[in-house]
Amino acid sequence: MGILASQGAHLFFSPIAKITGDDAMAQYNLTRNRCEEAGFDFIGTFVVGMREMHHIVCLVFN
């Protein structure tokens, strides 16, 4: 979409999963593919808590 350089708004969501490499890759692949299919730039990061993993995803749009 290329909107990172222009003015726009943003929306965050953060699915939660158990802490495993397989779950991290599954969430990464799922959210990245969905963002690309919808025409959004993918911006995501993982944060690990005591017993859970948060996959924080930011959607930037105009």
PDB file of N, CA and C in Angstrom:
ATOM      1  N   MET A   1       0.830  -1.194   0.000  1.00  0.00           N
ATOM      2  CA  MET A   1       0.000   0.000   0.000  1.00  0.00           C
ATOM      3  C   MET A   1       0.871   1.252   0.000  1.00  0.00           C
ATOM      4  N   GLY A   2       2.060   1.212   0.605  1.00  0.00           N
ATOM      5  CA  GLY A   2       2.977   2.329   0.579  1.00  0.00           C
ATOM      6  C   GLY A   2       2.527   3.547   1.363  1.00  0.00           C
ATOM      7  N   ILE A   3       1.687   3.359   2.353  1.00  0.00           N
ATOM      8  CA  ILE A   3       1.131   4.499   3.078  1.00  0.00           C
ATOM      9  C   ILE A   3       2.005   4.957   4.240  1.00  0.00           C
ATOM     10  N   LEU A   4       3.069   4.223   4.534  1.00  0.00           N
ATOM     11  CA  LEU A   4       3.906   4.582   5.677  1.00  0.00           C
ATOM     12  C   LEU A   4       4.495   5.979   5.542  1.00  0.00           C
ATOM     13  N   ALA A   5       4.724   6.447   4.329  1.00  0.00           N
ATOM     14  CA  ALA A   5       5.319   7.761   4.126  1.00  0.00           C
ATOM     15  C   ALA A   5       4.277   8.876   4.055  1.00  0.00           C
ATOM     16  N   SER A   6       3.006   8.556   3.985  1.00  0.00           N
ATOM     17  CA  SER A   6       1.976   9.587   3.882  1.00  0.00           C
ATOM     18  C   SER A   6       1.195   9.699   5.183  1.00  0.00           C
ATOM     19  N   GLN A   7       0.250  10.616   5.200  1.00  0.00           N
ATOM     20  CA  GLN A   7      -0.586  10.772   6.389  1.00  0.00           C
ATOM     21  C   GLN A   7      -1.652   9.693   6.403  1.00  0.00           C
ATOM     22  N   GLY A   8      -1.856   9.108   7.549  1.00  0.00           N
ATOM     23  CA  GLY A   8      -2.861   8.063   7.668  1.00  0.00           C
ATOM     24  C   GLY A   8      -3.170   7.791   9.125  1.00  0.00           C
ATOM     25  N   ALA A   9      -4.011   6.831   9.346  1.00  0.00           N
ATOM     26  CA  ALA A   9      -4.362   6.410  10.701  1.00  0.00           C
ATOM     27  C   ALA A   9      -3.796   5.013  10.929  1.00  0.00           C
ATOM     28  N   HIS A  10      -3.930   4.530  12.156  1.00  0.00           N
ATOM     29  CA  HIS A  10      -3.433   3.190  12.448  1.00  0.00           C
ATOM     30  C   HIS A  10      -4.381   2.465  13.395  1.00  0.00           C
ATOM     31  N   LEU A  11      -4.294   1.146  13.341  1.00  0.00           N
ATOM     32  CA  LEU A  11      -5.102   0.269  14.170  1.00  0.00           C
ATOM     33  C   LEU A  11      -4.203  -0.870  14.627  1.00  0.00           C
ATOM     34  N   PHE A  12      -4.234  -1.163  15.921  1.00  0.00           N
ATOM     35  CA  PHE A  12      -3.447  -2.271  16.459  1.00  0.00           C
ATOM     36  C   PHE A  12      -4.365  -3.419  16.848  1.00  0.00           C
ATOM     37  N   PHE A  13      -3.904  -4.646  16.666  1.00  0.00           N
ATOM     38  CA  PHE A  13      -4.536  -5.814  17.269  1.00  0.00           C
ATOM     39  C   PHE A  13      -3.431  -6.779  17.664  1.00  0.00           C
ATOM     40  N   SER A  14      -3.704  -7.625  18.645  1.00  0.00           N
ATOM     41  CA  SER A  14      -2.648  -8.514  19.144  1.00  0.00           C
ATOM     42  C   SER A  14      -3.204  -9.879  19.539  1.00  0.00           C
ATOM     43  N   PRO A  15      -3.194 -10.811  18.596  1.00  0.00           N
ATOM     44  CA  PRO A  15      -3.582 -12.172  18.944  1.00  0.00           C
ATOM     45  C   PRO A  15      -2.604 -12.763  19.955  1.00  0.00           C
ATOM     46  N   ILE A  16      -3.083 -13.653  20.786  1.00  0.00           N
ATOM     47  CA  ILE A  16      -2.270 -14.272  21.836  1.00  0.00           C
ATOM     48  C   ILE A  16      -2.167 -15.764  21.553  1.00  0.00           C
ATOM     49  N   ALA A  17      -0.980 -16.325  21.803  1.00  0.00           N
ATOM     50  CA  ALA A  17      -0.766 -17.761  21.586  1.00  0.00           C
ATOM     51  C   ALA A  17       0.194 -18.291  22.635  1.00  0.00           C
ATOM     52  N   LYS A  18       0.332 -19.614  22.660  1.00  0.00           N
ATOM     53  CA  LYS A  18       1.324 -20.209  23.553  1.00  0.00           C
ATOM     54  C   LYS A  18       2.718 -19.933  22.995  1.00  0.00           C
ATOM     55  N   ILE A  19       3.715 -20.052  23.839  1.00  0.00           N
ATOM     56  CA  ILE A  19       5.083 -19.678  23.476  1.00  0.00           C
ATOM     57  C   ILE A  19       5.798 -20.865  22.834  1.00  0.00           C
ATOM     58  N   THR A  20       5.669 -20.976  21.517  1.00  0.00           N
ATOM     59  CA  THR A  20       6.432 -21.969  20.761  1.00  0.00           C
ATOM     60  C   THR A  20       6.839 -21.345  19.428  1.00  0.00           C
ATOM     61  N   GLY A  21       7.911 -21.839  18.873  1.00  0.00           N
ATOM     62  CA  GLY A  21       8.345 -21.354  17.566  1.00  0.00           C
ATOM     63  C   GLY A  21       7.325 -21.648  16.480  1.00  0.00           C
ATOM     64  N   ASP A  22       6.691 -22.818  16.562  1.00  0.00           N
ATOM     65  CA  ASP A  22       5.676 -23.177  15.564  1.00  0.00           C
ATOM     66  C   ASP A  22       4.491 -22.219  15.606  1.00  0.00           C
ATOM     67  N   ASP A  23       4.045 -21.864  16.815  1.00  0.00           N
ATOM     68  CA  ASP A  23       2.926 -20.921  16.944  1.00  0.00           C
ATOM     69  C   ASP A  23       3.325 -19.526  16.466  1.00  0.00           C
ATOM     70  N   ALA A  24       4.548 -19.119  16.757  1.00  0.00           N
ATOM     71  CA  ALA A  24       5.020 -17.809  16.296  1.00  0.00           C
ATOM     72  C   ALA A  24       5.035 -17.749  14.773  1.00  0.00           C
ATOM     73  N   MET A  25       5.578 -18.767  14.135  1.00  0.00           N
ATOM     74  CA  MET A  25       5.633 -18.779  12.672  1.00  0.00           C
ATOM     75  C   MET A  25       4.239 -18.866  12.054  1.00  0.00           C
ATOM     76  N   ALA A  26       3.347 -19.643  12.673  1.00  0.00           N
ATOM     77  CA  ALA A  26       1.979 -19.748  12.156  1.00  0.00           C
ATOM     78  C   ALA A  26       1.281 -18.392  12.204  1.00  0.00           C
ATOM     79  N   GLN A  27       1.409 -17.691  13.339  1.00  0.00           N
ATOM     80  CA  GLN A  27       0.774 -16.368  13.452  1.00  0.00           C
ATOM     81  C   GLN A  27       1.422 -15.369  12.506  1.00  0.00           C
ATOM     82  N   TYR A  28       2.743 -15.398  12.397  1.00  0.00           N
ATOM     83  CA  TYR A  28       3.444 -14.486  11.488  1.00  0.00           C
ATOM     84  C   TYR A  28       2.970 -14.702  10.052  1.00  0.00           C
ATOM     85  N   ASN A  29       2.992 -15.947   9.604  1.00  0.00           N
ATOM     86  CA  ASN A  29       2.593 -16.242   8.223  1.00  0.00           C
ATOM     87  C   ASN A  29       1.136 -15.875   7.965  1.00  0.00           C
ATOM     88  N   LEU A  30       0.259 -16.186   8.902  1.00  0.00           N
ATOM     89  CA  LEU A  30      -1.162 -15.877   8.742  1.00  0.00           C
ATOM     90  C   LEU A  30      -1.397 -14.371   8.642  1.00  0.00           C
ATOM     91  N   THR A  31      -0.858 -13.604   9.591  1.00  0.00           N
ATOM     92  CA  THR A  31      -1.122 -12.161   9.594  1.00  0.00           C
ATOM     93  C   THR A  31      -0.423 -11.458   8.435  1.00  0.00           C
ATOM     94  N   ARG A  32       0.805 -11.866   8.106  1.00  0.00           N
ATOM     95  CA  ARG A  32       1.501 -11.241   6.975  1.00  0.00           C
ATOM     96  C   ARG A  32       0.743 -11.498   5.671  1.00  0.00           C
ATOM     97  N   ASN A  33       0.323 -12.741   5.456  1.00  0.00           N
ATOM     98  CA  ASN A  33      -0.413 -13.061   4.229  1.00  0.00           C
ATOM     99  C   ASN A  33      -1.730 -12.302   4.149  1.00  0.00           C
ATOM    100  N   ARG A  34      -2.456 -12.211   5.258  1.00  0.00           N
ATOM    101  CA  ARG A  34      -3.737 -11.481   5.257  1.00  0.00           C
ATOM    102  C   ARG A  34      -3.516  -9.989   4.976  1.00  0.00           C
ATOM    103  N   CYS A  35      -2.477  -9.414   5.568  1.00  0.00           N
ATOM    104  CA  CYS A  35      -2.170  -8.001   5.305  1.00  0.00           C
ATOM    105  C   CYS A  35      -1.860  -7.783   3.832  1.00  0.00           C
ATOM    106  N   GLU A  36      -1.024  -8.648   3.268  1.00  0.00           N
ATOM    107  CA  GLU A  36      -0.668  -8.507   1.859  1.00  0.00           C
ATOM    108  C   GLU A  36      -1.878  -8.697   0.947  1.00  0.00           C
ATOM    109  N   GLU A  37      -2.741  -9.671   1.267  1.00  0.00           N
ATOM    110  CA  GLU A  37      -3.949  -9.893   0.467  1.00  0.00           C
ATOM    111  C   GLU A  37      -4.860  -8.673   0.475  1.00  0.00           C
ATOM    112  N   ALA A  38      -4.906  -7.967   1.607  1.00  0.00           N
ATOM    113  CA  ALA A  38      -5.771  -6.789   1.736  1.00  0.00           C
ATOM    114  C   ALA A  38      -5.089  -5.508   1.266  1.00  0.00           C
ATOM    115  N   GLY A  39      -3.811  -5.588   0.864  1.00  0.00           N
ATOM    116  CA  GLY A  39      -3.099  -4.418   0.372  1.00  0.00           C
ATOM    117  C   GLY A  39      -2.474  -3.557   1.450  1.00  0.00           C
ATOM    118  N   PHE A  40      -2.311  -4.093   2.660  1.00  0.00           N
ATOM    119  CA  PHE A  40      -1.694  -3.346   3.755  1.00  0.00           C
ATOM    120  C   PHE A  40      -0.212  -3.687   3.876  1.00  0.00           C
ATOM    121  N   ASP A  41       0.582  -2.711   4.313  1.00  0.00           N
ATOM    122  CA  ASP A  41       1.960  -2.985   4.705  1.00  0.00           C
ATOM    123  C   ASP A  41       1.916  -3.782   6.002  1.00  0.00           C
ATOM    124  N   PHE A  42       2.803  -4.771   6.152  1.00  0.00           N
ATOM    125  CA  PHE A  42       2.839  -5.572   7.373  1.00  0.00           C
ATOM    126  C   PHE A  42       3.810  -4.945   8.365  1.00  0.00           C
ATOM    127  N   ILE A  43       3.312  -4.660   9.571  1.00  0.00           N
ATOM    128  CA  ILE A  43       4.143  -4.192  10.674  1.00  0.00           C
ATOM    129  C   ILE A  43       3.753  -5.040  11.878  1.00  0.00           C
ATOM    130  N   GLY A  44       4.641  -5.891  12.333  1.00  0.00           N
ATOM    131  CA  GLY A  44       4.311  -6.775  13.446  1.00  0.00           C
ATOM    132  C   GLY A  44       5.520  -7.082  14.310  1.00  0.00           C
ATOM    133  N   THR A  45       5.263  -7.400  15.557  1.00  0.00           N
ATOM    134  CA  THR A  45       6.322  -7.798  16.482  1.00  0.00           C
ATOM    135  C   THR A  45       5.739  -8.758  17.512  1.00  0.00           C
ATOM    136  N   PHE A  46       6.610  -9.506  18.158  1.00  0.00           N
ATOM    137  CA  PHE A  46       6.191 -10.435  19.201  1.00  0.00           C
ATOM    138  C   PHE A  46       6.689  -9.949  20.553  1.00  0.00           C
ATOM    139  N   VAL A  47       5.852 -10.112  21.568  1.00  0.00           N
ATOM    140  CA  VAL A  47       6.221  -9.832  22.953  1.00  0.00           C
ATOM    141  C   VAL A  47       5.851 -11.068  23.760  1.00  0.00           C
ATOM    142  N   VAL A  48       6.811 -11.581  24.526  1.00  0.00           N
ATOM    143  CA  VAL A  48       6.573 -12.791  25.311  1.00  0.00           C
ATOM    144  C   VAL A  48       6.345 -12.409  26.759  1.00  0.00           C
ATOM    145  N   GLY A  49       5.231 -12.881  27.312  1.00  0.00           N
ATOM    146  CA  GLY A  49       4.910 -12.662  28.715  1.00  0.00           C
ATOM    147  C   GLY A  49       5.306 -13.874  29.540  1.00  0.00           C
ATOM    148  N   MET A  50       4.713 -14.003  30.699  1.00  0.00           N
ATOM    149  CA  MET A  50       5.039 -15.120  31.588  1.00  0.00           C
ATOM    150  C   MET A  50       4.625 -16.468  30.990  1.00  0.00           C
ATOM    151  N   ARG A  51       3.420 -16.530  30.411  1.00  0.00           N
ATOM    152  CA  ARG A  51       2.920 -17.799  29.873  1.00  0.00           C
ATOM    153  C   ARG A  51       2.319 -17.663  28.488  1.00  0.00           C
ATOM    154  N   GLU A  52       2.457 -16.511  27.878  1.00  0.00           N
ATOM    155  CA  GLU A  52       1.806 -16.278  26.596  1.00  0.00           C
ATOM    156  C   GLU A  52       2.679 -15.415  25.696  1.00  0.00           C
ATOM    157  N   MET A  53       2.364 -15.464  24.413  1.00  0.00           N
ATOM    158  CA  MET A  53       3.071 -14.667  23.418  1.00  0.00           C
ATOM    159  C   MET A  53       2.049 -13.753  22.748  1.00  0.00           C
ATOM    160  N   HIS A  54       2.327 -12.464  22.728  1.00  0.00           N
ATOM    161  CA  HIS A  54       1.467 -11.476  22.078  1.00  0.00           C
ATOM    162  C   HIS A  54       2.083 -11.130  20.727  1.00  0.00           C
ATOM    163  N   HIS A  55       1.298 -11.220  19.680  1.00  0.00           N
ATOM    164  CA  HIS A  55       1.750 -10.838  18.344  1.00  0.00           C
ATOM    165  C   HIS A  55       1.085  -9.507  18.030  1.00  0.00           C
ATOM    166  N   ILE A  56       1.822  -8.436  18.203  1.00  0.00           N
ATOM    167  CA  ILE A  56       1.272  -7.091  18.029  1.00  0.00           C
ATOM    168  C   ILE A  56       1.396  -6.698  16.559  1.00  0.00           C
ATOM    169  N   VAL A  57       0.258  -6.396  15.952  1.00  0.00           N
ATOM    170  CA  VAL A  57       0.209  -6.057  14.534  1.00  0.00           C
ATOM    171  C   VAL A  57      -0.391  -4.662  14.392  1.00  0.00           C
ATOM    172  N   CYS A  58       0.235  -3.840  13.566  1.00  0.00           N
ATOM    173  CA  CYS A  58      -0.237  -2.475  13.313  1.00  0.00           C
ATOM    174  C   CYS A  58      -0.663  -2.365  11.855  1.00  0.00           C
ATOM    175  N   LEU A  59      -1.885  -1.917  11.629  1.00  0.00           N
ATOM    176  CA  LEU A  59      -2.370  -1.640  10.279  1.00  0.00           C
ATOM    177  C   LEU A  59      -2.415  -0.131  10.091  1.00  0.00           C
ATOM    178  N   VAL A  60      -1.760   0.355   9.052  1.00  0.00           N
ATOM    179  CA  VAL A  60      -1.738   1.784   8.740  1.00  0.00           C
ATOM    180  C   VAL A  60      -2.601   1.992   7.493  1.00  0.00           C
ATOM    181  N   PHE A  61      -3.507   2.958   7.561  1.00  0.00           N
ATOM    182  CA  PHE A  61      -4.429   3.180   6.446  1.00  0.00           C
ATOM    183  C   PHE A  61      -4.775   4.656   6.354  1.00  0.00           C
ATOM    184  N   ASN A  62      -5.412   5.043   5.256  1.00  0.00           N
ATOM    185  CA  ASN A  62      -5.850   6.435   5.113  1.00  0.00           C
ATOM    186  C   ASN A  62      -7.348   6.521   5.018  1.00  0.00           C
TER     187      ASN A  62
END
